[in-house]
Amino acid sequence: MRRKQHSLKQGWGFISTTMLVLVCLSVQAETLQVVTEDSSYSSLQDGKVVGPASEVVEKLLAAAGVKDYHMALYPWARAYDMARLEPNVMIYPILRSSEREPLFKWVGELDQVTPLFYKLRERHDVVIKDLTDARKYAVGVVRDDSRQEYLAGQKFSRLVVSANNLDNLRKLLSGQVALVPMPEREAREQCEELHIAFDQLESVYALDELSKGLYVALSLKTPADTVQRVTTAFARLKDDGTVARAMSR
């Protein structure tokens, strides 16, 4: 009888431990992972993610009643993979394209951007009149960024991949690449961070086909209730001008 009681206690102990683990995993799974990259829209300052887009996202989560979240800065490829493959992830700002349309739950538009090909102003040997001309040169891109995807699809064979935007610009300055595709806002921000004058760069071609909206998006396995609350809250912030005011800074 004692052995049976001992076995029973062990069984209940195992069940209790299992239930505790499951509860902990459940609580952990409910935390919304909010991911972004270092850009003119978001950056790390004193250990906190800041920037105009990050300000919008914080106000968005507060308005939606989402209190349990963790905001972090990652290289773009990692942030993108987390949002594409994992449940309960928010990513921003992300370019909305036809290829990406089925991969995420799209919350709302933060900004509109048109990437431009920039070269060093002193590089008189780099002449771009159309996209065909640009294929002749080494072009710096960020891994898994929409610009890399687009240029690869346009048969650019000399793409030099970086982990982030700043490394991309450094390669332009060092001569490792002849061109980098960036919106003007991003180019100005990166020049400021590297303490160089923006007029050292010259825009030579607009990538109008990549003129699209930058969005806040959620991973496909985010709970429907969260998606609904966040999407509704974003629409309110858009309507009352909160998004426009933050993004204009």
C-alpha atoms as a PDB file:
ATOM      1  CA  MET A   1       0.000   0.000   0.000  1.00  0.00           C
ATOM      2  CA  ARG A   2       2.867   2.362   0.869  1.00  0.00           C
ATOM      3  CA  ARG A   3       4.502   1.685  -2.470  1.00  0.00           C
ATOM      4  CA  LYS A   4       1.218   2.411  -4.225  1.00  0.00           C
ATOM      5  CA  GLN A   5       0.769   5.646  -2.257  1.00  0.00           C
ATOM      6  CA  HIS A   6       4.382   6.613  -3.020  1.00  0.00           C
ATOM      7  CA  SER A   7       3.844   5.937  -6.730  1.00  0.00           C
ATOM      8  CA  LEU A   8       0.630   7.939  -6.616  1.00  0.00           C
ATOM      9  CA  LYS A   9       2.424  10.879  -5.029  1.00  0.00           C
ATOM     10  CA  GLN A  10       5.149  10.659  -7.645  1.00  0.00           C
ATOM     11  CA  GLY A  11       2.476  10.624 -10.349  1.00  0.00           C
ATOM     12  CA  TRP A  12       0.746  13.688  -8.953  1.00  0.00           C
ATOM     13  CA  GLY A  13       4.123  15.408  -8.589  1.00  0.00           C
ATOM     14  CA  PHE A  14       4.918  14.711 -12.227  1.00  0.00           C
ATOM     15  CA  ILE A  15       1.515  15.997 -13.342  1.00  0.00           C
ATOM     16  CA  SER A  16       1.863  19.144 -11.212  1.00  0.00           C
ATOM     17  CA  THR A  17       5.323  19.843 -12.596  1.00  0.00           C
ATOM     18  CA  THR A  18       4.102  19.280 -16.141  1.00  0.00           C
ATOM     19  CA  MET A  19       1.152  21.614 -15.613  1.00  0.00           C
ATOM     20  CA  LEU A  20       3.454  24.283 -14.169  1.00  0.00           C
ATOM     21  CA  VAL A  21       5.757  24.051 -17.185  1.00  0.00           C
ATOM     22  CA  LEU A  22       2.789  24.298 -19.544  1.00  0.00           C
ATOM     23  CA  VAL A  23       1.448  27.332 -17.692  1.00  0.00           C
ATOM     24  CA  CYS A  24       4.849  29.027 -17.843  1.00  0.00           C
ATOM     25  CA  LEU A  25       5.159  28.297 -21.554  1.00  0.00           C
ATOM     26  CA  SER A  26       1.654  29.628 -22.103  1.00  0.00           C
ATOM     27  CA  VAL A  27       2.445  32.869 -20.283  1.00  0.00           C
ATOM     28  CA  GLN A  28       5.708  33.221 -22.212  1.00  0.00           C
ATOM     29  CA  ALA A  29       3.923  32.616 -25.515  1.00  0.00           C
ATOM     30  CA  GLU A  30       1.511  35.479 -24.813  1.00  0.00           C
ATOM     31  CA  THR A  31       4.339  38.050 -24.706  1.00  0.00           C
ATOM     32  CA  LEU A  32       4.343  40.026 -27.943  1.00  0.00           C
ATOM     33  CA  GLN A  33       7.834  40.222 -29.435  1.00  0.00           C
ATOM     34  CA  VAL A  34       8.207  43.654 -31.073  1.00  0.00           C
ATOM     35  CA  VAL A  35      11.154  43.729 -33.476  1.00  0.00           C
ATOM     36  CA  THR A  36      12.781  46.382 -35.631  1.00  0.00           C
ATOM     37  CA  GLU A  37      16.167  47.282 -37.154  1.00  0.00           C
ATOM     38  CA  ASP A  38      18.574  50.194 -36.740  1.00  0.00           C
ATOM     39  CA  SER A  39      17.342  52.860 -39.166  1.00  0.00           C
ATOM     40  CA  SER A  40      16.158  56.451 -39.371  1.00  0.00           C
ATOM     41  CA  TYR A  41      12.870  55.200 -37.892  1.00  0.00           C
ATOM     42  CA  SER A  42      14.248  53.294 -34.899  1.00  0.00           C
ATOM     43  CA  SER A  43      17.500  53.102 -32.980  1.00  0.00           C
ATOM     44  CA  LEU A  44      18.953  52.153 -29.609  1.00  0.00           C
ATOM     45  CA  GLN A  45      19.582  54.906 -27.064  1.00  0.00           C
ATOM     46  CA  ASP A  46      20.701  54.161 -23.506  1.00  0.00           C
ATOM     47  CA  GLY A  47      19.416  50.608 -23.870  1.00  0.00           C
ATOM     48  CA  LYS A  48      15.970  51.683 -25.084  1.00  0.00           C
ATOM     49  CA  VAL A  49      14.531  51.411 -28.589  1.00  0.00           C
ATOM     50  CA  VAL A  50      13.616  54.934 -29.717  1.00  0.00           C
ATOM     51  CA  GLY A  51      12.783  56.823 -32.904  1.00  0.00           C
ATOM     52  CA  PRO A  52       9.640  58.104 -34.638  1.00  0.00           C
ATOM     53  CA  ALA A  53       8.309  54.683 -35.650  1.00  0.00           C
ATOM     54  CA  SER A  54       9.063  53.253 -32.205  1.00  0.00           C
ATOM     55  CA  GLU A  55       7.136  56.137 -30.631  1.00  0.00           C
ATOM     56  CA  VAL A  56       4.122  55.284 -32.802  1.00  0.00           C
ATOM     57  CA  VAL A  57       4.362  51.599 -31.893  1.00  0.00           C
ATOM     58  CA  GLU A  58       4.528  52.289 -28.154  1.00  0.00           C
ATOM     59  CA  LYS A  59       1.448  54.521 -28.386  1.00  0.00           C
ATOM     60  CA  LEU A  60      -0.239  51.886 -30.554  1.00  0.00           C
ATOM     61  CA  LEU A  61       0.313  49.097 -28.024  1.00  0.00           C
ATOM     62  CA  ALA A  62      -0.914  51.309 -25.183  1.00  0.00           C
ATOM     63  CA  ALA A  63      -4.052  52.225 -27.149  1.00  0.00           C
ATOM     64  CA  ALA A  64      -4.654  48.554 -27.971  1.00  0.00           C
ATOM     65  CA  GLY A  65      -4.255  47.519 -24.332  1.00  0.00           C
ATOM     66  CA  VAL A  66      -1.214  45.327 -25.036  1.00  0.00           C
ATOM     67  CA  LYS A  67       0.921  45.543 -21.895  1.00  0.00           C
ATOM     68  CA  ASP A  68       2.936  42.329 -22.132  1.00  0.00           C
ATOM     69  CA  TYR A  69       5.482  42.972 -24.877  1.00  0.00           C
ATOM     70  CA  HIS A  70       9.237  43.076 -25.414  1.00  0.00           C
ATOM     71  CA  MET A  71      10.719  45.565 -27.896  1.00  0.00           C
ATOM     72  CA  ALA A  72      14.166  44.849 -29.369  1.00  0.00           C
ATOM     73  CA  LEU A  73      16.510  45.910 -32.160  1.00  0.00           C
ATOM     74  CA  TYR A  74      17.941  43.208 -34.439  1.00  0.00           C
ATOM     75  CA  PRO A  75      19.733  42.927 -37.779  1.00  0.00           C
ATOM     76  CA  TRP A  76      17.002  43.064 -40.417  1.00  0.00           C
ATOM     77  CA  ALA A  77      17.363  39.421 -41.533  1.00  0.00           C
ATOM     78  CA  ARG A  78      16.805  38.150 -37.980  1.00  0.00           C
ATOM     79  CA  ALA A  79      13.863  40.480 -37.304  1.00  0.00           C
ATOM     80  CA  TYR A  80      12.277  39.476 -40.605  1.00  0.00           C
ATOM     81  CA  ASP A  81      12.693  35.744 -39.937  1.00  0.00           C
ATOM     82  CA  MET A  82      11.209  36.083 -36.452  1.00  0.00           C
ATOM     83  CA  ALA A  83       8.125  37.830 -37.825  1.00  0.00           C
ATOM     84  CA  ARG A  84       7.822  35.418 -40.732  1.00  0.00           C
ATOM     85  CA  LEU A  85       8.276  32.181 -38.791  1.00  0.00           C
ATOM     86  CA  GLU A  86       7.353  32.716 -35.131  1.00  0.00           C
ATOM     87  CA  PRO A  87       3.996  33.342 -33.440  1.00  0.00           C
ATOM     88  CA  ASN A  88       3.074  36.583 -31.682  1.00  0.00           C
ATOM     89  CA  VAL A  89       5.623  38.903 -33.324  1.00  0.00           C
ATOM     90  CA  MET A  90       5.198  42.523 -34.429  1.00  0.00           C
ATOM     91  CA  ILE A  91       7.652  43.985 -36.970  1.00  0.00           C
ATOM     92  CA  TYR A  92       8.129  47.576 -38.096  1.00  0.00           C
ATOM     93  CA  PRO A  93       8.780  49.394 -40.342  1.00  0.00           C
ATOM     94  CA  ILE A  94       8.395  46.831 -43.122  1.00  0.00           C
ATOM     95  CA  LEU A  95       7.836  47.516 -46.811  1.00  0.00           C
ATOM     96  CA  ARG A  96       4.562  46.038 -48.037  1.00  0.00           C
ATOM     97  CA  SER A  97       4.958  44.233 -51.355  1.00  0.00           C
ATOM     98  CA  SER A  98       3.020  41.659 -53.372  1.00  0.00           C
ATOM     99  CA  GLU A  99       5.584  38.988 -52.417  1.00  0.00           C
ATOM    100  CA  ARG A 100       5.201  39.724 -48.713  1.00  0.00           C
ATOM    101  CA  GLU A 101       1.437  40.223 -48.740  1.00  0.00           C
ATOM    102  CA  PRO A 102       0.503  36.643 -47.679  1.00  0.00           C
ATOM    103  CA  LEU A 103       3.316  36.368 -45.101  1.00  0.00           C
ATOM    104  CA  PHE A 104       2.005  38.809 -42.475  1.00  0.00           C
ATOM    105  CA  LYS A 105      -1.045  40.438 -40.926  1.00  0.00           C
ATOM    106  CA  TRP A 106      -0.790  44.069 -42.068  1.00  0.00           C
ATOM    107  CA  VAL A 107      -1.694  46.571 -39.349  1.00  0.00           C
ATOM    108  CA  GLY A 108      -1.241  50.008 -40.919  1.00  0.00           C
ATOM    109  CA  GLU A 109       0.994  52.336 -42.917  1.00  0.00           C
ATOM    110  CA  LEU A 110       3.617  54.456 -41.163  1.00  0.00           C
ATOM    111  CA  ASP A 111       5.177  56.222 -44.135  1.00  0.00           C
ATOM    112  CA  GLN A 112       5.684  56.250 -47.898  1.00  0.00           C
ATOM    113  CA  VAL A 113       9.210  55.888 -49.284  1.00  0.00           C
ATOM    114  CA  THR A 114      11.008  55.871 -52.636  1.00  0.00           C
ATOM    115  CA  PRO A 115      14.538  54.390 -52.589  1.00  0.00           C
ATOM    116  CA  LEU A 116      17.154  56.233 -54.640  1.00  0.00           C
ATOM    117  CA  PHE A 117      20.464  54.954 -55.930  1.00  0.00           C
ATOM    118  CA  TYR A 118      23.209  56.988 -54.251  1.00  0.00           C
ATOM    119  CA  LYS A 119      26.835  57.181 -55.340  1.00  0.00           C
ATOM    120  CA  LEU A 120      29.735  59.228 -54.005  1.00  0.00           C
ATOM    121  CA  ARG A 121      29.598  62.637 -55.633  1.00  0.00           C
ATOM    122  CA  GLU A 122      33.305  62.377 -56.455  1.00  0.00           C
ATOM    123  CA  ARG A 123      32.761  59.185 -58.493  1.00  0.00           C
ATOM    124  CA  HIS A 124      32.404  60.766 -61.932  1.00  0.00           C
ATOM    125  CA  ASP A 125      33.019  57.361 -63.497  1.00  0.00           C
ATOM    126  CA  VAL A 126      29.662  56.065 -62.177  1.00  0.00           C
ATOM    127  CA  VAL A 127      27.010  57.106 -64.688  1.00  0.00           C
ATOM    128  CA  ILE A 128      23.409  55.872 -64.317  1.00  0.00           C
ATOM    129  CA  LYS A 129      20.708  56.717 -66.843  1.00  0.00           C
ATOM    130  CA  ASP A 130      18.533  53.659 -66.331  1.00  0.00           C
ATOM    131  CA  LEU A 131      18.357  50.402 -64.410  1.00  0.00           C
ATOM    132  CA  THR A 132      20.454  48.616 -67.050  1.00  0.00           C
ATOM    133  CA  ASP A 133      23.357  50.992 -66.395  1.00  0.00           C
ATOM    134  CA  ALA A 134      23.169  50.250 -62.663  1.00  0.00           C
ATOM    135  CA  ARG A 135      23.686  46.515 -63.267  1.00  0.00           C
ATOM    136  CA  LYS A 136      27.288  47.226 -64.299  1.00  0.00           C
ATOM    137  CA  TYR A 137      28.288  48.262 -60.797  1.00  0.00           C
ATOM    138  CA  ALA A 138      28.652  46.662 -57.364  1.00  0.00           C
ATOM    139  CA  VAL A 139      25.552  47.553 -55.350  1.00  0.00           C
ATOM    140  CA  GLY A 140      25.329  47.432 -51.562  1.00  0.00           C
ATOM    141  CA  VAL A 141      22.152  45.929 -50.066  1.00  0.00           C
ATOM    142  CA  VAL A 142      20.910  44.746 -46.670  1.00  0.00           C
ATOM    143  CA  ARG A 143      20.302  41.020 -46.245  1.00  0.00           C
ATOM    144  CA  ASP A 144      16.651  39.981 -46.868  1.00  0.00           C
ATOM    145  CA  ASP A 145      15.637  43.614 -47.427  1.00  0.00           C
ATOM    146  CA  SER A 146      13.044  44.369 -50.113  1.00  0.00           C
ATOM    147  CA  ARG A 147      15.701  46.193 -52.134  1.00  0.00           C
ATOM    148  CA  GLN A 148      17.870  43.088 -52.247  1.00  0.00           C
ATOM    149  CA  GLU A 149      14.859  41.008 -53.311  1.00  0.00           C
ATOM    150  CA  TYR A 150      13.890  43.481 -56.033  1.00  0.00           C
ATOM    151  CA  LEU A 151      17.390  43.942 -57.490  1.00  0.00           C
ATOM    152  CA  ALA A 152      18.063  40.201 -57.485  1.00  0.00           C
ATOM    153  CA  GLY A 153      14.815  39.791 -59.424  1.00  0.00           C
ATOM    154  CA  GLN A 154      16.064  42.417 -61.893  1.00  0.00           C
ATOM    155  CA  LYS A 155      19.154  40.270 -62.580  1.00  0.00           C
ATOM    156  CA  PHE A 156      21.666  42.341 -60.625  1.00  0.00           C
ATOM    157  CA  SER A 157      24.617  39.981 -60.248  1.00  0.00           C
ATOM    158  CA  ARG A 158      26.969  42.229 -58.261  1.00  0.00           C
ATOM    159  CA  LEU A 159      25.040  42.622 -55.016  1.00  0.00           C
ATOM    160  CA  VAL A 160      27.190  43.024 -51.900  1.00  0.00           C
ATOM    161  CA  VAL A 161      25.183  42.057 -48.810  1.00  0.00           C
ATOM    162  CA  SER A 162      25.488  43.760 -45.408  1.00  0.00           C
ATOM    163  CA  ALA A 163      23.806  43.025 -42.095  1.00  0.00           C
ATOM    164  CA  ASN A 164      22.519  46.583 -41.656  1.00  0.00           C
ATOM    165  CA  ASN A 165      22.130  49.975 -43.320  1.00  0.00           C
ATOM    166  CA  LEU A 166      25.149  51.569 -41.663  1.00  0.00           C
ATOM    167  CA  ASP A 167      27.552  48.868 -42.883  1.00  0.00           C
ATOM    168  CA  ASN A 168      26.033  49.295 -46.320  1.00  0.00           C
ATOM    169  CA  LEU A 169      26.920  52.997 -46.377  1.00  0.00           C
ATOM    170  CA  ARG A 170      30.398  52.301 -45.002  1.00  0.00           C
ATOM    171  CA  LYS A 171      31.036  50.060 -48.012  1.00  0.00           C
ATOM    172  CA  LEU A 172      30.032  52.902 -50.319  1.00  0.00           C
ATOM    173  CA  LEU A 173      32.431  55.280 -48.575  1.00  0.00           C
ATOM    174  CA  SER A 174      35.294  52.767 -48.720  1.00  0.00           C
ATOM    175  CA  GLY A 175      34.740  52.005 -52.401  1.00  0.00           C
ATOM    176  CA  GLN A 176      33.648  48.397 -51.889  1.00  0.00           C
ATOM    177  CA  VAL A 177      30.433  49.250 -53.730  1.00  0.00           C
ATOM    178  CA  ALA A 178      29.579  51.981 -56.227  1.00  0.00           C
ATOM    179  CA  LEU A 179      25.864  52.320 -55.430  1.00  0.00           C
ATOM    180  CA  VAL A 180      23.504  51.924 -52.489  1.00  0.00           C
ATOM    181  CA  PRO A 181      19.665  52.137 -52.661  1.00  0.00           C
ATOM    182  CA  MET A 182      18.191  54.234 -49.828  1.00  0.00           C
ATOM    183  CA  PRO A 183      15.355  56.691 -49.258  1.00  0.00           C
ATOM    184  CA  GLU A 184      16.634  60.233 -48.691  1.00  0.00           C
ATOM    185  CA  ARG A 185      15.570  60.228 -45.044  1.00  0.00           C
ATOM    186  CA  GLU A 186      17.609  57.097 -44.404  1.00  0.00           C
ATOM    187  CA  ALA A 187      20.632  58.441 -46.308  1.00  0.00           C
ATOM    188  CA  ARG A 188      20.642  61.680 -44.294  1.00  0.00           C
ATOM    189  CA  GLU A 189      20.309  59.811 -40.995  1.00  0.00           C
ATOM    190  CA  GLN A 190      23.157  57.408 -41.822  1.00  0.00           C
ATOM    191  CA  CYS A 191      25.446  60.258 -42.920  1.00  0.00           C
ATOM    192  CA  GLU A 192      24.769  62.041 -39.633  1.00  0.00           C
ATOM    193  CA  GLU A 193      25.573  58.890 -37.673  1.00  0.00           C
ATOM    194  CA  LEU A 194      28.878  58.472 -39.537  1.00  0.00           C
ATOM    195  CA  HIS A 195      29.655  62.203 -39.164  1.00  0.00           C
ATOM    196  CA  ILE A 196      29.916  62.890 -42.876  1.00  0.00           C
ATOM    197  CA  ALA A 197      28.247  65.589 -44.960  1.00  0.00           C
ATOM    198  CA  PHE A 198      25.145  64.440 -46.828  1.00  0.00           C
ATOM    199  CA  ASP A 199      26.305  66.304 -49.928  1.00  0.00           C
ATOM    200  CA  GLN A 200      29.152  63.803 -50.271  1.00  0.00           C
ATOM    201  CA  LEU A 201      26.424  61.599 -51.746  1.00  0.00           C
ATOM    202  CA  GLU A 202      24.587  62.140 -55.001  1.00  0.00           C
ATOM    203  CA  SER A 203      21.267  60.556 -55.955  1.00  0.00           C
ATOM    204  CA  VAL A 204      21.429  59.260 -59.527  1.00  0.00           C
ATOM    205  CA  TYR A 205      18.298  57.150 -60.074  1.00  0.00           C
ATOM    206  CA  ALA A 206      14.913  56.696 -58.394  1.00  0.00           C
ATOM    207  CA  LEU A 207      13.645  53.143 -57.884  1.00  0.00           C
ATOM    208  CA  ASP A 208      10.018  54.092 -58.504  1.00  0.00           C
ATOM    209  CA  GLU A 209       8.880  50.458 -58.562  1.00  0.00           C
ATOM    210  CA  LEU A 210       9.882  50.258 -54.900  1.00  0.00           C
ATOM    211  CA  SER A 211       7.894  53.365 -53.982  1.00  0.00           C
ATOM    212  CA  LYS A 212       5.616  51.739 -51.424  1.00  0.00           C
ATOM    213  CA  GLY A 213       4.318  52.043 -47.901  1.00  0.00           C
ATOM    214  CA  LEU A 214       6.259  51.197 -44.757  1.00  0.00           C
ATOM    215  CA  TYR A 215       3.987  49.307 -42.389  1.00  0.00           C
ATOM    216  CA  VAL A 216       3.543  47.819 -38.957  1.00  0.00           C
ATOM    217  CA  ALA A 217       2.798  44.099 -39.380  1.00  0.00           C
ATOM    218  CA  LEU A 218       2.116  41.030 -37.226  1.00  0.00           C
ATOM    219  CA  SER A 219       3.132  37.425 -37.720  1.00  0.00           C
ATOM    220  CA  LEU A 220       0.462  35.108 -39.115  1.00  0.00           C
ATOM    221  CA  LYS A 221       0.169  33.113 -35.874  1.00  0.00           C
ATOM    222  CA  THR A 222      -0.612  36.155 -33.750  1.00  0.00           C
ATOM    223  CA  PRO A 223      -3.979  35.665 -31.969  1.00  0.00           C
ATOM    224  CA  ALA A 224      -6.911  37.094 -33.916  1.00  0.00           C
ATOM    225  CA  ASP A 225      -8.007  39.181 -30.922  1.00  0.00           C
ATOM    226  CA  THR A 226      -4.591  40.868 -30.759  1.00  0.00           C
ATOM    227  CA  VAL A 227      -4.632  41.532 -34.505  1.00  0.00           C
ATOM    228  CA  GLN A 228      -8.081  43.107 -34.264  1.00  0.00           C
ATOM    229  CA  ARG A 229      -7.277  45.308 -31.275  1.00  0.00           C
ATOM    230  CA  VAL A 230      -3.971  46.512 -32.722  1.00  0.00           C
ATOM    231  CA  THR A 231      -5.412  47.186 -36.189  1.00  0.00           C
ATOM    232  CA  THR A 232      -8.349  49.132 -34.746  1.00  0.00           C
ATOM    233  CA  ALA A 233      -6.058  51.156 -32.477  1.00  0.00           C
ATOM    234  CA  PHE A 234      -3.734  51.995 -35.371  1.00  0.00           C
ATOM    235  CA  ALA A 235      -6.640  53.305 -37.445  1.00  0.00           C
ATOM    236  CA  ARG A 236      -7.562  55.649 -34.570  1.00  0.00           C
ATOM    237  CA  LEU A 237      -3.986  56.935 -34.259  1.00  0.00           C
ATOM    238  CA  LYS A 238      -3.878  57.463 -38.013  1.00  0.00           C
ATOM    239  CA  ASP A 239      -7.161  59.370 -38.021  1.00  0.00           C
ATOM    240  CA  ASP A 240      -6.265  61.688 -35.126  1.00  0.00           C
ATOM    241  CA  GLY A 241      -2.889  62.616 -36.666  1.00  0.00           C
ATOM    242  CA  THR A 242      -0.677  60.855 -34.088  1.00  0.00           C
ATOM    243  CA  VAL A 243       1.116  58.802 -36.744  1.00  0.00           C
ATOM    244  CA  ALA A 244       1.734  61.767 -39.067  1.00  0.00           C
ATOM    245  CA  ARG A 245       3.071  63.971 -36.251  1.00  0.00           C
ATOM    246  CA  ALA A 246       5.523  61.349 -35.032  1.00  0.00           C
ATOM    247  CA  MET A 247       6.757  60.395 -38.492  1.00  0.00           C
ATOM    248  CA  SER A 248       7.374  64.019 -39.494  1.00  0.00           C
ATOM    249  CA  ARG A 249      10.102  64.425 -36.874  1.00  0.00           C
END
